Amino acid sequence: MSTLQEMAEAVISGNAKKVKELAEKALTEGFAPQGIINDGLIAGMNVVGVRFKNNEVYVPEVLIAARAMHAGMDVVKPLLTDSAIQDKGTVLIGTVKGDLHDIGKNLVRMMLEGAGYKVIDLGVDIAPDKFAQAVEEHQPQIVGLSALLTTTMVQMKNTMERLKDYPVKVMIGGAPVTQKFADEIGADAYASDAATAVEKAEQLMAS
């Protein structure tokens, strides 16, 4: 098994210490940083993403795998130029105003980072104006809005209104959110879970 295959396996099993050691070993063996990320770290997270979608693993395992992936990223990232990291695209995410839930959003962030996106996480309770300011500042291709309360879903609509003049695609998700609601407010995509969010992001980037 090659060093990168071993690294992918270590990410899947959530062994952060081993991932870090293998990342260092891969660099001494002459692997390019981008290759280590794509063929070692992201390859492992992709497997975890598929298993999560199929209910073969659950949130704790995803979080442990993501932590292991980040241990490898910390070794490799300083050697990358900014342009190499941003190749896949930038996604800006946040939980809408009035909503303080962040577990779902954090999972989406980890899965997107695991798939090779640069993710800017605004946090929770984010007003429409704050989303707009962040879009101007970071120029993302995609904005992800999360809500866990039916009462805060209206803020998704308000944020959509606020962002309509910006050249960004908007993806929404959260427990009470549905495809029907996404269609009603004019969102570009709806993701039912974190693994689907990555698939939708890929589709939005390609469209």
N, C-alpha and C. Protein backbone atom coordinates (compact mmCIF):
# COMPACT_ATOMS: atom_id res chain seq x y z
N MET A 1 0.85 -1.20 0.00
CA MET A 1 0.00 0.00 0.00
C MET A 1 0.89 1.25 0.00
N SER A 2 0.57 2.19 -0.85
CA SER A 2 1.39 3.41 -0.91
C SER A 2 1.13 4.28 0.33
N THR A 3 2.02 5.23 0.54
CA THR A 3 1.89 6.14 1.69
C THR A 3 0.56 6.88 1.64
N LEU A 4 0.14 7.29 0.44
CA LEU A 4 -1.11 8.05 0.33
C LEU A 4 -2.33 7.17 0.60
N GLN A 5 -2.27 5.92 0.15
CA GLN A 5 -3.37 4.99 0.45
C GLN A 5 -3.47 4.74 1.96
N GLU A 6 -2.28 4.57 2.57
CA GLU A 6 -2.25 4.40 4.03
C GLU A 6 -2.85 5.61 4.73
N MET A 7 -2.53 6.80 4.19
CA MET A 7 -3.03 8.04 4.78
C MET A 7 -4.56 8.09 4.67
N ALA A 8 -5.08 7.74 3.52
CA ALA A 8 -6.54 7.72 3.33
C ALA A 8 -7.19 6.78 4.34
N GLU A 9 -6.59 5.60 4.53
CA GLU A 9 -7.12 4.63 5.51
C GLU A 9 -7.08 5.19 6.93
N ALA A 10 -5.99 5.91 7.24
CA ALA A 10 -5.86 6.49 8.58
C ALA A 10 -6.89 7.60 8.81
N VAL A 11 -7.21 8.36 7.74
CA VAL A 11 -8.28 9.37 7.85
C VAL A 11 -9.61 8.67 8.13
N ILE A 12 -9.89 7.62 7.37
CA ILE A 12 -11.16 6.89 7.52
C ILE A 12 -11.31 6.35 8.94
N SER A 13 -10.20 5.84 9.50
CA SER A 13 -10.28 5.27 10.86
C SER A 13 -10.13 6.35 11.94
N GLY A 14 -9.84 7.60 11.51
CA GLY A 14 -9.78 8.71 12.47
C GLY A 14 -8.51 8.75 13.29
N ASN A 15 -7.41 8.21 12.76
CA ASN A 15 -6.15 8.18 13.49
C ASN A 15 -5.31 9.42 13.17
N ALA A 16 -5.54 10.48 13.91
CA ALA A 16 -4.90 11.78 13.61
C ALA A 16 -3.38 11.70 13.70
N LYS A 17 -2.87 10.99 14.70
CA LYS A 17 -1.42 10.90 14.90
C LYS A 17 -0.77 10.23 13.68
N LYS A 18 -1.39 9.16 13.21
CA LYS A 18 -0.84 8.42 12.07
C LYS A 18 -0.93 9.27 10.78
N VAL A 19 -2.03 10.00 10.63
CA VAL A 19 -2.19 10.86 9.44
C VAL A 19 -1.07 11.90 9.40
N LYS A 20 -0.81 12.51 10.54
CA LYS A 20 0.25 13.53 10.63
C LYS A 20 1.60 12.91 10.24
N GLU A 21 1.90 11.73 10.81
CA GLU A 21 3.18 11.07 10.50
C GLU A 21 3.29 10.72 9.02
N LEU A 22 2.19 10.24 8.45
CA LEU A 22 2.20 9.84 7.03
C LEU A 22 2.32 11.06 6.12
N ALA A 23 1.73 12.19 6.53
CA ALA A 23 1.85 13.42 5.74
C ALA A 23 3.32 13.85 5.69
N GLU A 24 3.98 13.77 6.85
CA GLU A 24 5.41 14.13 6.90
C GLU A 24 6.24 13.17 6.06
N LYS A 25 5.88 11.88 6.15
CA LYS A 25 6.60 10.86 5.39
C LYS A 25 6.41 11.08 3.88
N ALA A 26 5.17 11.40 3.48
CA ALA A 26 4.88 11.61 2.05
C ALA A 26 5.70 12.78 1.50
N LEU A 27 5.86 13.83 2.30
CA LEU A 27 6.66 14.98 1.86
C LEU A 27 8.12 14.57 1.67
N THR A 28 8.65 13.77 2.61
CA THR A 28 10.05 13.35 2.45
C THR A 28 10.21 12.40 1.27
N GLU A 29 9.13 11.70 0.91
CA GLU A 29 9.19 10.81 -0.26
C GLU A 29 9.03 11.57 -1.58
N GLY A 30 8.78 12.88 -1.46
CA GLY A 30 8.72 13.71 -2.66
C GLY A 30 7.35 13.90 -3.27
N PHE A 31 6.28 13.50 -2.53
CA PHE A 31 4.93 13.75 -3.04
C PHE A 31 4.63 15.25 -2.99
N ALA A 32 3.93 15.75 -4.01
CA ALA A 32 3.55 17.17 -4.03
C ALA A 32 2.45 17.41 -3.00
N PRO A 33 2.49 18.59 -2.33
CA PRO A 33 1.46 18.89 -1.32
C PRO A 33 0.03 18.72 -1.83
N GLN A 34 -0.24 19.22 -3.04
CA GLN A 34 -1.60 19.12 -3.58
C GLN A 34 -2.01 17.64 -3.77
N GLY A 35 -1.05 16.82 -4.18
CA GLY A 35 -1.32 15.39 -4.35
C GLY A 35 -1.62 14.71 -3.02
N ILE A 36 -0.88 15.13 -1.99
CA ILE A 36 -1.11 14.56 -0.65
C ILE A 36 -2.53 14.88 -0.19
N ILE A 37 -2.94 16.13 -0.44
CA ILE A 37 -4.30 16.54 -0.04
C ILE A 37 -5.35 15.77 -0.84
N ASN A 38 -5.20 15.75 -2.16
CA ASN A 38 -6.23 15.13 -3.01
C ASN A 38 -6.28 13.61 -2.89
N ASP A 39 -5.10 12.98 -2.95
CA ASP A 39 -5.07 11.51 -3.04
C ASP A 39 -4.93 10.83 -1.69
N GLY A 40 -4.63 11.61 -0.65
CA GLY A 40 -4.53 11.03 0.69
C GLY A 40 -5.67 11.48 1.57
N LEU A 41 -5.67 12.78 1.88
CA LEU A 41 -6.63 13.32 2.86
C LEU A 41 -8.05 13.36 2.32
N ILE A 42 -8.23 13.96 1.14
CA ILE A 42 -9.58 14.09 0.58
C ILE A 42 -10.13 12.73 0.16
N ALA A 43 -9.26 11.88 -0.36
CA ALA A 43 -9.69 10.54 -0.76
C ALA A 43 -10.29 9.80 0.44
N GLY A 44 -9.65 9.96 1.60
CA GLY A 44 -10.17 9.33 2.82
C GLY A 44 -11.50 9.93 3.25
N MET A 45 -11.58 11.26 3.24
CA MET A 45 -12.82 11.94 3.65
C MET A 45 -13.97 11.61 2.71
N ASN A 46 -13.66 11.43 1.42
CA ASN A 46 -14.71 11.07 0.45
C ASN A 46 -15.36 9.74 0.83
N VAL A 47 -14.55 8.79 1.27
CA VAL A 47 -15.09 7.49 1.69
C VAL A 47 -15.99 7.67 2.91
N VAL A 48 -15.52 8.49 3.86
CA VAL A 48 -16.31 8.77 5.06
C VAL A 48 -17.65 9.42 4.67
N GLY A 49 -17.58 10.35 3.70
CA GLY A 49 -18.79 11.04 3.24
C GLY A 49 -19.82 10.08 2.67
N VAL A 50 -19.35 9.14 1.86
CA VAL A 50 -20.25 8.15 1.26
C VAL A 50 -20.86 7.28 2.36
N ARG A 51 -20.03 6.83 3.30
CA ARG A 51 -20.53 5.98 4.39
C ARG A 51 -21.53 6.72 5.26
N PHE A 52 -21.27 8.03 5.47
CA PHE A 52 -22.19 8.85 6.28
C PHE A 52 -23.55 8.95 5.57
N LYS A 53 -23.49 9.17 4.27
CA LYS A 53 -24.72 9.29 3.47
C LYS A 53 -25.53 7.99 3.50
N ASN A 54 -24.81 6.86 3.56
CA ASN A 54 -25.47 5.55 3.57
C ASN A 54 -25.79 5.06 4.98
N ASN A 55 -25.64 5.97 5.96
CA ASN A 55 -25.89 5.62 7.38
C ASN A 55 -25.01 4.48 7.89
N GLU A 56 -23.82 4.34 7.32
CA GLU A 56 -22.88 3.30 7.80
C GLU A 56 -22.00 3.86 8.93
N VAL A 57 -21.81 5.18 8.92
CA VAL A 57 -21.14 5.84 10.05
C VAL A 57 -22.00 7.05 10.44
N TYR A 58 -21.73 7.58 11.63
CA TYR A 58 -22.57 8.68 12.14
C TYR A 58 -21.72 9.89 12.48
N VAL A 59 -22.38 10.93 13.00
CA VAL A 59 -21.71 12.21 13.22
C VAL A 59 -20.39 12.09 13.99
N PRO A 60 -20.34 11.33 15.10
CA PRO A 60 -19.05 11.26 15.83
C PRO A 60 -17.90 10.76 14.96
N GLU A 61 -18.17 9.73 14.15
CA GLU A 61 -17.10 9.19 13.29
C GLU A 61 -16.66 10.21 12.24
N VAL A 62 -17.62 10.98 11.73
CA VAL A 62 -17.28 12.02 10.75
C VAL A 62 -16.38 13.07 11.39
N LEU A 63 -16.74 13.46 12.61
CA LEU A 63 -15.96 14.49 13.31
C LEU A 63 -14.54 13.99 13.60
N ILE A 64 -14.42 12.73 13.98
CA ILE A 64 -13.09 12.15 14.28
C ILE A 64 -12.26 12.06 12.99
N ALA A 65 -12.90 11.66 11.89
CA ALA A 65 -12.19 11.59 10.60
C ALA A 65 -11.75 12.98 10.15
N ALA A 66 -12.64 13.96 10.35
CA ALA A 66 -12.31 15.34 9.96
C ALA A 66 -11.12 15.86 10.77
N ARG A 67 -11.11 15.51 12.04
CA ARG A 67 -9.99 15.93 12.89
C ARG A 67 -8.68 15.32 12.38
N ALA A 68 -8.75 14.05 12.00
CA ALA A 68 -7.56 13.37 11.46
C ALA A 68 -7.11 14.03 10.16
N MET A 69 -8.08 14.37 9.29
CA MET A 69 -7.77 15.03 8.04
C MET A 69 -7.05 16.36 8.30
N HIS A 70 -7.56 17.12 9.28
CA HIS A 70 -6.96 18.43 9.58
C HIS A 70 -5.54 18.28 10.13
N ALA A 71 -5.26 17.18 10.83
CA ALA A 71 -3.90 16.95 11.32
C ALA A 71 -2.93 16.85 10.13
N GLY A 72 -3.39 16.21 9.05
CA GLY A 72 -2.57 16.13 7.84
C GLY A 72 -2.49 17.46 7.11
N MET A 73 -3.62 18.16 7.08
CA MET A 73 -3.67 19.49 6.42
C MET A 73 -2.67 20.44 7.07
N ASP A 74 -2.58 20.38 8.42
CA ASP A 74 -1.69 21.29 9.14
C ASP A 74 -0.23 21.11 8.72
N VAL A 75 0.13 19.88 8.33
CA VAL A 75 1.49 19.59 7.89
C VAL A 75 1.72 20.16 6.48
N VAL A 76 0.72 19.99 5.63
CA VAL A 76 0.89 20.27 4.20
C VAL A 76 0.57 21.72 3.82
N LYS A 77 -0.40 22.31 4.52
CA LYS A 77 -0.92 23.62 4.11
C LYS A 77 0.14 24.72 4.00
N PRO A 78 1.09 24.79 4.95
CA PRO A 78 2.10 25.86 4.84
C PRO A 78 2.90 25.81 3.53
N LEU A 79 2.95 24.65 2.89
CA LEU A 79 3.74 24.49 1.67
C LEU A 79 2.94 24.82 0.41
N LEU A 80 1.66 25.11 0.60
CA LEU A 80 0.81 25.39 -0.56
C LEU A 80 0.71 26.89 -0.78
N THR A 81 0.65 27.29 -2.02
CA THR A 81 0.35 28.69 -2.30
C THR A 81 -1.16 28.86 -2.16
N ASP A 82 -1.61 30.06 -1.85
CA ASP A 82 -3.04 30.32 -1.71
C ASP A 82 -3.81 29.91 -2.96
N SER A 83 -3.23 30.15 -4.12
CA SER A 83 -3.96 29.86 -5.37
C SER A 83 -4.26 28.37 -5.49
N ALA A 84 -3.35 27.53 -5.00
CA ALA A 84 -3.56 26.08 -5.10
C ALA A 84 -4.73 25.64 -4.23
N ILE A 85 -4.87 26.29 -3.06
CA ILE A 85 -5.94 25.89 -2.13
C ILE A 85 -7.30 26.29 -2.70
N GLN A 86 -7.32 27.44 -3.35
CA GLN A 86 -8.61 27.98 -3.76
C GLN A 86 -9.09 27.46 -5.11
N ASP A 87 -8.33 26.53 -5.69
CA ASP A 87 -8.68 26.04 -7.02
C ASP A 87 -10.13 25.62 -7.15
N LYS A 88 -10.63 24.90 -6.14
CA LYS A 88 -11.95 24.29 -6.29
C LYS A 88 -13.07 25.30 -6.10
N GLY A 89 -12.80 26.35 -5.34
CA GLY A 89 -13.83 27.36 -5.13
C GLY A 89 -13.99 27.70 -3.66
N THR A 90 -14.68 28.81 -3.42
CA THR A 90 -14.89 29.29 -2.06
C THR A 90 -16.37 29.22 -1.72
N VAL A 91 -16.66 28.68 -0.54
CA VAL A 91 -18.04 28.61 -0.06
C VAL A 91 -18.13 29.38 1.25
N LEU A 92 -19.12 30.26 1.34
CA LEU A 92 -19.36 31.05 2.54
C LEU A 92 -20.57 30.43 3.23
N ILE A 93 -20.45 30.07 4.51
CA ILE A 93 -21.61 29.47 5.17
C ILE A 93 -21.91 30.14 6.50
N GLY A 94 -23.17 30.02 6.92
CA GLY A 94 -23.57 30.55 8.22
C GLY A 94 -24.98 30.12 8.56
N THR A 95 -25.30 30.17 9.86
CA THR A 95 -26.66 29.92 10.32
C THR A 95 -27.38 31.26 10.36
N VAL A 96 -28.62 31.30 9.88
CA VAL A 96 -29.31 32.58 9.68
C VAL A 96 -29.69 33.26 11.01
N LYS A 97 -30.03 34.53 10.91
CA LYS A 97 -30.36 35.38 12.06
C LYS A 97 -31.43 34.72 12.94
N GLY A 98 -31.20 34.79 14.24
CA GLY A 98 -32.18 34.24 15.20
C GLY A 98 -31.98 32.78 15.51
N ASP A 99 -31.04 32.12 14.80
CA ASP A 99 -30.83 30.68 14.98
C ASP A 99 -29.42 30.43 15.48
N LEU A 100 -29.30 29.71 16.59
CA LEU A 100 -27.99 29.51 17.20
C LEU A 100 -27.46 28.09 17.02
N HIS A 101 -28.10 27.32 16.15
CA HIS A 101 -27.67 25.93 15.97
C HIS A 101 -26.50 25.85 14.98
N ASP A 102 -25.49 25.07 15.34
CA ASP A 102 -24.35 25.02 14.42
C ASP A 102 -23.79 23.63 14.13
N ILE A 103 -24.38 22.58 14.71
CA ILE A 103 -23.80 21.24 14.47
C ILE A 103 -23.90 20.87 12.99
N GLY A 104 -25.07 21.08 12.40
CA GLY A 104 -25.26 20.76 10.98
C GLY A 104 -24.33 21.58 10.10
N LYS A 105 -24.27 22.87 10.41
CA LYS A 105 -23.41 23.78 9.63
C LYS A 105 -21.95 23.35 9.74
N ASN A 106 -21.53 22.98 10.94
CA ASN A 106 -20.13 22.57 11.14
C ASN A 106 -19.81 21.30 10.36
N LEU A 107 -20.77 20.39 10.32
CA LEU A 107 -20.58 19.16 9.54
C LEU A 107 -20.42 19.48 8.07
N VAL A 108 -21.28 20.37 7.58
CA VAL A 108 -21.20 20.78 6.16
C VAL A 108 -19.84 21.41 5.88
N ARG A 109 -19.39 22.25 6.81
CA ARG A 109 -18.07 22.90 6.62
C ARG A 109 -16.97 21.84 6.50
N MET A 110 -16.99 20.87 7.41
CA MET A 110 -15.96 19.83 7.40
C MET A 110 -16.00 19.00 6.12
N MET A 111 -17.22 18.67 5.68
CA MET A 111 -17.34 17.85 4.47
C MET A 111 -16.86 18.64 3.24
N LEU A 112 -17.19 19.94 3.20
CA LEU A 112 -16.75 20.76 2.07
C LEU A 112 -15.23 20.93 2.08
N GLU A 113 -14.67 21.17 3.27
CA GLU A 113 -13.21 21.27 3.36
C GLU A 113 -12.57 19.95 2.96
N GLY A 114 -13.22 18.86 3.38
CA GLY A 114 -12.72 17.54 3.03
C GLY A 114 -12.76 17.28 1.53
N ALA A 115 -13.67 17.97 0.85
CA ALA A 115 -13.79 17.81 -0.61
C ALA A 115 -12.91 18.79 -1.37
N GLY A 116 -12.18 19.65 -0.63
CA GLY A 116 -11.22 20.53 -1.29
C GLY A 116 -11.65 21.97 -1.49
N TYR A 117 -12.75 22.37 -0.83
CA TYR A 117 -13.20 23.76 -0.95
C TYR A 117 -12.58 24.62 0.15
N LYS A 118 -12.41 25.90 -0.16
CA LYS A 118 -12.06 26.86 0.89
C LYS A 118 -13.39 27.29 1.50
N VAL A 119 -13.54 27.14 2.81
CA VAL A 119 -14.81 27.47 3.46
C VAL A 119 -14.64 28.61 4.44
N ILE A 120 -15.48 29.63 4.31
CA ILE A 120 -15.49 30.74 5.26
C ILE A 120 -16.76 30.59 6.08
N ASP A 121 -16.58 30.33 7.37
CA ASP A 121 -17.71 30.06 8.26
C ASP A 121 -18.01 31.32 9.08
N LEU A 122 -19.16 31.92 8.85
CA LEU A 122 -19.52 33.16 9.54
C LEU A 122 -20.06 32.90 10.95
N GLY A 123 -20.42 31.64 11.24
CA GLY A 123 -20.95 31.34 12.56
C GLY A 123 -22.47 31.29 12.57
N VAL A 124 -23.06 31.66 13.72
CA VAL A 124 -24.52 31.56 13.88
C VAL A 124 -25.15 32.95 14.04
N ASP A 125 -26.48 33.00 13.89
CA ASP A 125 -27.24 34.25 14.10
C ASP A 125 -26.74 35.36 13.15
N ILE A 126 -26.63 35.01 11.87
CA ILE A 126 -26.05 35.94 10.90
C ILE A 126 -27.16 36.68 10.13
N ALA A 127 -27.16 38.00 10.24
CA ALA A 127 -28.17 38.83 9.58
C ALA A 127 -27.91 38.90 8.08
N PRO A 128 -28.96 39.14 7.28
CA PRO A 128 -28.79 39.25 5.82
C PRO A 128 -27.69 40.22 5.40
N ASP A 129 -27.63 41.38 6.07
CA ASP A 129 -26.60 42.37 5.72
C ASP A 129 -25.19 41.83 5.95
N LYS A 130 -25.05 41.02 6.99
CA LYS A 130 -23.73 40.47 7.30
C LYS A 130 -23.31 39.46 6.23
N PHE A 131 -24.27 38.67 5.75
CA PHE A 131 -23.97 37.76 4.63
C PHE A 131 -23.52 38.57 3.42
N ALA A 132 -24.24 39.66 3.13
CA ALA A 132 -23.92 40.48 1.96
C ALA A 132 -22.52 41.09 2.08
N GLN A 133 -22.19 41.59 3.27
CA GLN A 133 -20.85 42.17 3.49
C GLN A 133 -19.77 41.11 3.25
N ALA A 134 -20.02 39.90 3.76
CA ALA A 134 -19.03 38.83 3.62
C ALA A 134 -18.88 38.40 2.16
N VAL A 135 -19.98 38.43 1.41
CA VAL A 135 -19.91 38.10 -0.02
C VAL A 135 -19.04 39.13 -0.75
N GLU A 136 -19.23 40.40 -0.41
CA GLU A 136 -18.40 41.45 -1.03
C GLU A 136 -16.93 41.27 -0.68
N GLU A 137 -16.68 40.90 0.57
CA GLU A 137 -15.30 40.80 1.04
C GLU A 137 -14.59 39.56 0.47
N HIS A 138 -15.27 38.41 0.46
CA HIS A 138 -14.59 37.14 0.13
C HIS A 138 -14.85 36.64 -1.29
N GLN A 139 -15.84 37.21 -1.96
CA GLN A 139 -16.15 36.82 -3.35
C GLN A 139 -16.33 35.30 -3.53
N PRO A 140 -17.19 34.67 -2.72
CA PRO A 140 -17.38 33.22 -2.87
C PRO A 140 -18.20 32.91 -4.11
N GLN A 141 -18.14 31.66 -4.55
CA GLN A 141 -19.01 31.21 -5.64
C GLN A 141 -20.36 30.73 -5.09
N ILE A 142 -20.32 30.21 -3.85
CA ILE A 142 -21.53 29.64 -3.24
C ILE A 142 -21.71 30.18 -1.83
N VAL A 143 -22.96 30.45 -1.46
CA VAL A 143 -23.31 30.80 -0.08
C VAL A 143 -24.22 29.70 0.45
N GLY A 144 -23.89 29.18 1.65
CA GLY A 144 -24.73 28.15 2.27
C GLY A 144 -25.44 28.73 3.48
N LEU A 145 -26.77 28.59 3.51
CA LEU A 145 -27.57 29.09 4.64
C LEU A 145 -28.14 27.91 5.40
N SER A 146 -28.00 27.95 6.73
CA SER A 146 -28.51 26.87 7.57
C SER A 146 -29.55 27.41 8.54
N ALA A 147 -30.59 26.61 8.80
CA ALA A 147 -31.59 26.95 9.82
C ALA A 147 -32.12 25.66 10.44
N LEU A 148 -32.29 25.66 11.76
CA LEU A 148 -32.83 24.47 12.40
C LEU A 148 -34.22 24.73 12.98
N LEU A 149 -34.66 25.97 12.97
CA LEU A 149 -35.97 26.31 13.52
C LEU A 149 -36.90 26.75 12.39
N THR A 150 -38.15 26.31 12.45
CA THR A 150 -39.11 26.76 11.42
C THR A 150 -39.28 28.28 11.50
N THR A 151 -39.14 28.84 12.71
CA THR A 151 -39.33 30.29 12.88
C THR A 151 -38.22 31.10 12.23
N THR A 152 -37.04 30.51 12.02
CA THR A 152 -35.94 31.29 11.42
C THR A 152 -35.83 31.08 9.91
N MET A 153 -36.66 30.17 9.38
CA MET A 153 -36.58 29.93 7.93
C MET A 153 -36.89 31.20 7.13
N VAL A 154 -37.73 32.08 7.70
CA VAL A 154 -38.06 33.33 7.01
C VAL A 154 -36.80 34.16 6.76
N GLN A 155 -35.79 33.99 7.63
CA GLN A 155 -34.54 34.74 7.45
C GLN A 155 -33.76 34.25 6.22
N MET A 156 -34.01 32.99 5.84
CA MET A 156 -33.40 32.50 4.60
C MET A 156 -33.96 33.30 3.42
N LYS A 157 -35.28 33.50 3.46
CA LYS A 157 -35.94 34.27 2.40
C LYS A 157 -35.38 35.70 2.37
N ASN A 158 -35.25 36.31 3.57
CA ASN A 158 -34.72 37.68 3.65
C ASN A 158 -33.28 37.75 3.14
N THR A 159 -32.50 36.74 3.46
CA THR A 159 -31.10 36.72 3.01
C THR A 159 -31.03 36.54 1.50
N MET A 160 -31.89 35.67 0.97
CA MET A 160 -31.96 35.49 -0.49
C MET A 160 -32.25 36.82 -1.18
N GLU A 161 -33.21 37.55 -0.64
CA GLU A 161 -33.56 38.88 -1.18
C GLU A 161 -32.35 39.80 -1.19
N ARG A 162 -31.62 39.76 -0.06
CA ARG A 162 -30.47 40.66 0.11
C ARG A 162 -29.33 40.30 -0.86
N LEU A 163 -29.25 39.02 -1.22
CA LEU A 163 -28.12 38.57 -2.06
C LEU A 163 -28.45 38.52 -3.55
N LYS A 164 -29.68 38.87 -3.89
CA LYS A 164 -30.11 38.61 -5.28
C LYS A 164 -29.31 39.37 -6.34
N ASP A 165 -28.66 40.47 -5.94
CA ASP A 165 -27.88 41.23 -6.92
C ASP A 165 -26.41 40.79 -7.00
N TYR A 166 -26.05 39.80 -6.19
CA TYR A 166 -24.66 39.33 -6.21
C TYR A 166 -24.54 38.07 -7.08
N PRO A 167 -23.39 37.90 -7.74
CA PRO A 167 -23.21 36.73 -8.61
C PRO A 167 -22.82 35.48 -7.82
N VAL A 168 -23.69 35.08 -6.88
CA VAL A 168 -23.41 33.87 -6.09
C VAL A 168 -24.58 32.90 -6.20
N LYS A 169 -24.25 31.61 -6.03
CA LYS A 169 -25.30 30.58 -5.95
C LYS A 169 -25.59 30.35 -4.47
N VAL A 170 -26.87 30.18 -4.15
CA VAL A 170 -27.24 29.99 -2.74
C VAL A 170 -27.78 28.58 -2.52
N MET A 171 -27.21 27.92 -1.52
CA MET A 171 -27.65 26.57 -1.15
C MET A 171 -28.19 26.65 0.28
N ILE A 172 -29.33 25.99 0.53
CA ILE A 172 -29.90 26.03 1.87
C ILE A 172 -30.09 24.62 2.42
N GLY A 173 -30.16 24.55 3.76
CA GLY A 173 -30.37 23.25 4.39
C GLY A 173 -30.69 23.42 5.86
N GLY A 174 -31.02 22.31 6.51
CA GLY A 174 -31.42 22.32 7.92
C GLY A 174 -32.65 21.46 8.10
N ALA A 175 -32.90 21.01 9.33
CA ALA A 175 -33.97 20.04 9.59
C ALA A 175 -35.35 20.41 9.01
N PRO A 176 -35.83 21.66 9.20
CA PRO A 176 -37.19 21.95 8.71
C PRO A 176 -37.24 22.33 7.23
N VAL A 177 -36.09 22.47 6.61
CA VAL A 177 -36.02 22.99 5.23
C VAL A 177 -36.34 21.88 4.24
N THR A 178 -37.05 22.23 3.18
CA THR A 178 -37.43 21.25 2.15
C THR A 178 -37.09 21.79 0.77
N GLN A 179 -37.12 20.89 -0.21
CA GLN A 179 -36.92 21.30 -1.60
C GLN A 179 -38.00 22.30 -2.01
N LYS A 180 -39.22 22.06 -1.55
CA LYS A 180 -40.35 22.94 -1.89
C LYS A 180 -40.07 24.37 -1.40
N PHE A 181 -39.56 24.48 -0.16
CA PHE A 181 -39.25 25.79 0.39
C PHE A 181 -38.11 26.45 -0.40
N ALA A 182 -37.12 25.65 -0.76
CA ALA A 182 -35.99 26.17 -1.56
C ALA A 182 -36.51 26.75 -2.88
N ASP A 183 -37.45 26.02 -3.51
CA ASP A 183 -38.03 26.50 -4.78
C ASP A 183 -38.81 27.79 -4.56
N GLU A 184 -39.55 27.84 -3.45
CA GLU A 184 -40.38 29.03 -3.16
C GLU A 184 -39.55 30.30 -3.01
N ILE A 185 -38.39 30.18 -2.34
CA ILE A 185 -37.59 31.40 -2.10
C ILE A 185 -36.53 31.63 -3.19
N GLY A 186 -36.47 30.70 -4.15
CA GLY A 186 -35.55 30.90 -5.27
C GLY A 186 -34.11 30.49 -4.99
N ALA A 187 -33.91 29.60 -4.00
CA ALA A 187 -32.55 29.11 -3.73
C ALA A 187 -32.08 28.26 -4.90
N ASP A 188 -30.77 28.23 -5.13
CA ASP A 188 -30.22 27.47 -6.26
C ASP A 188 -30.13 25.97 -5.96
N ALA A 189 -30.07 25.63 -4.66
CA ALA A 189 -29.97 24.21 -4.30
C ALA A 189 -30.45 24.00 -2.88
N TYR A 190 -30.89 22.77 -2.61
CA TYR A 190 -31.28 22.35 -1.26
C TYR A 190 -30.51 21.07 -0.94
N ALA A 191 -29.90 21.03 0.24
CA ALA A 191 -29.18 19.82 0.66
C ALA A 191 -29.80 19.27 1.92
N SER A 192 -30.16 17.99 1.88
CA SER A 192 -30.82 17.37 3.04
C SER A 192 -29.83 16.98 4.13
N ASP A 193 -28.56 16.83 3.78
CA ASP A 193 -27.54 16.49 4.78
C ASP A 193 -26.17 16.95 4.28
N ALA A 194 -25.16 16.75 5.15
CA ALA A 194 -23.82 17.29 4.85
C ALA A 194 -23.20 16.65 3.61
N ALA A 195 -23.40 15.35 3.44
CA ALA A 195 -22.81 14.68 2.28
C ALA A 195 -23.46 15.17 0.98
N THR A 196 -24.78 15.38 1.04
CA THR A 196 -25.49 15.92 -0.14
C THR A 196 -25.03 17.34 -0.45
N ALA A 197 -24.69 18.10 0.60
CA ALA A 197 -24.23 19.48 0.39
C ALA A 197 -23.01 19.51 -0.51
N VAL A 198 -22.12 18.54 -0.33
CA VAL A 198 -20.92 18.48 -1.18
C VAL A 198 -21.31 18.19 -2.63
N GLU A 199 -22.22 17.24 -2.82
CA GLU A 199 -22.69 16.91 -4.19
C GLU A 199 -23.33 18.14 -4.84
N LYS A 200 -24.16 18.85 -4.08
CA LYS A 200 -24.84 20.04 -4.62
C LYS A 200 -23.83 21.13 -4.95
N ALA A 201 -22.82 21.27 -4.10
CA ALA A 201 -21.78 22.28 -4.36
C ALA A 201 -21.07 21.97 -5.68
N GLU A 202 -20.77 20.68 -5.89
CA GLU A 202 -20.11 20.26 -7.14
C GLU A 202 -20.99 20.65 -8.34
N GLN A 203 -22.31 20.38 -8.21
CA GLN A 203 -23.24 20.68 -9.30
C GLN A 203 -23.32 22.17 -9.56
N LEU A 204 -23.37 22.96 -8.47
CA LEU A 204 -23.45 24.42 -8.62
C LEU A 204 -22.18 24.99 -9.27
N MET A 205 -21.03 24.43 -8.90
CA MET A 205 -19.77 24.91 -9.50
C MET A 205 -19.70 24.57 -10.97
N ALA A 206 -20.33 23.46 -11.34
CA ALA A 206 -20.27 23.02 -12.75
C ALA A 206 -21.31 23.73 -13.62
N SER A 207 -22.33 24.32 -12.96
CA SER A 207 -23.43 24.90 -13.75
C SER A 207 -23.13 26.33 -14.21
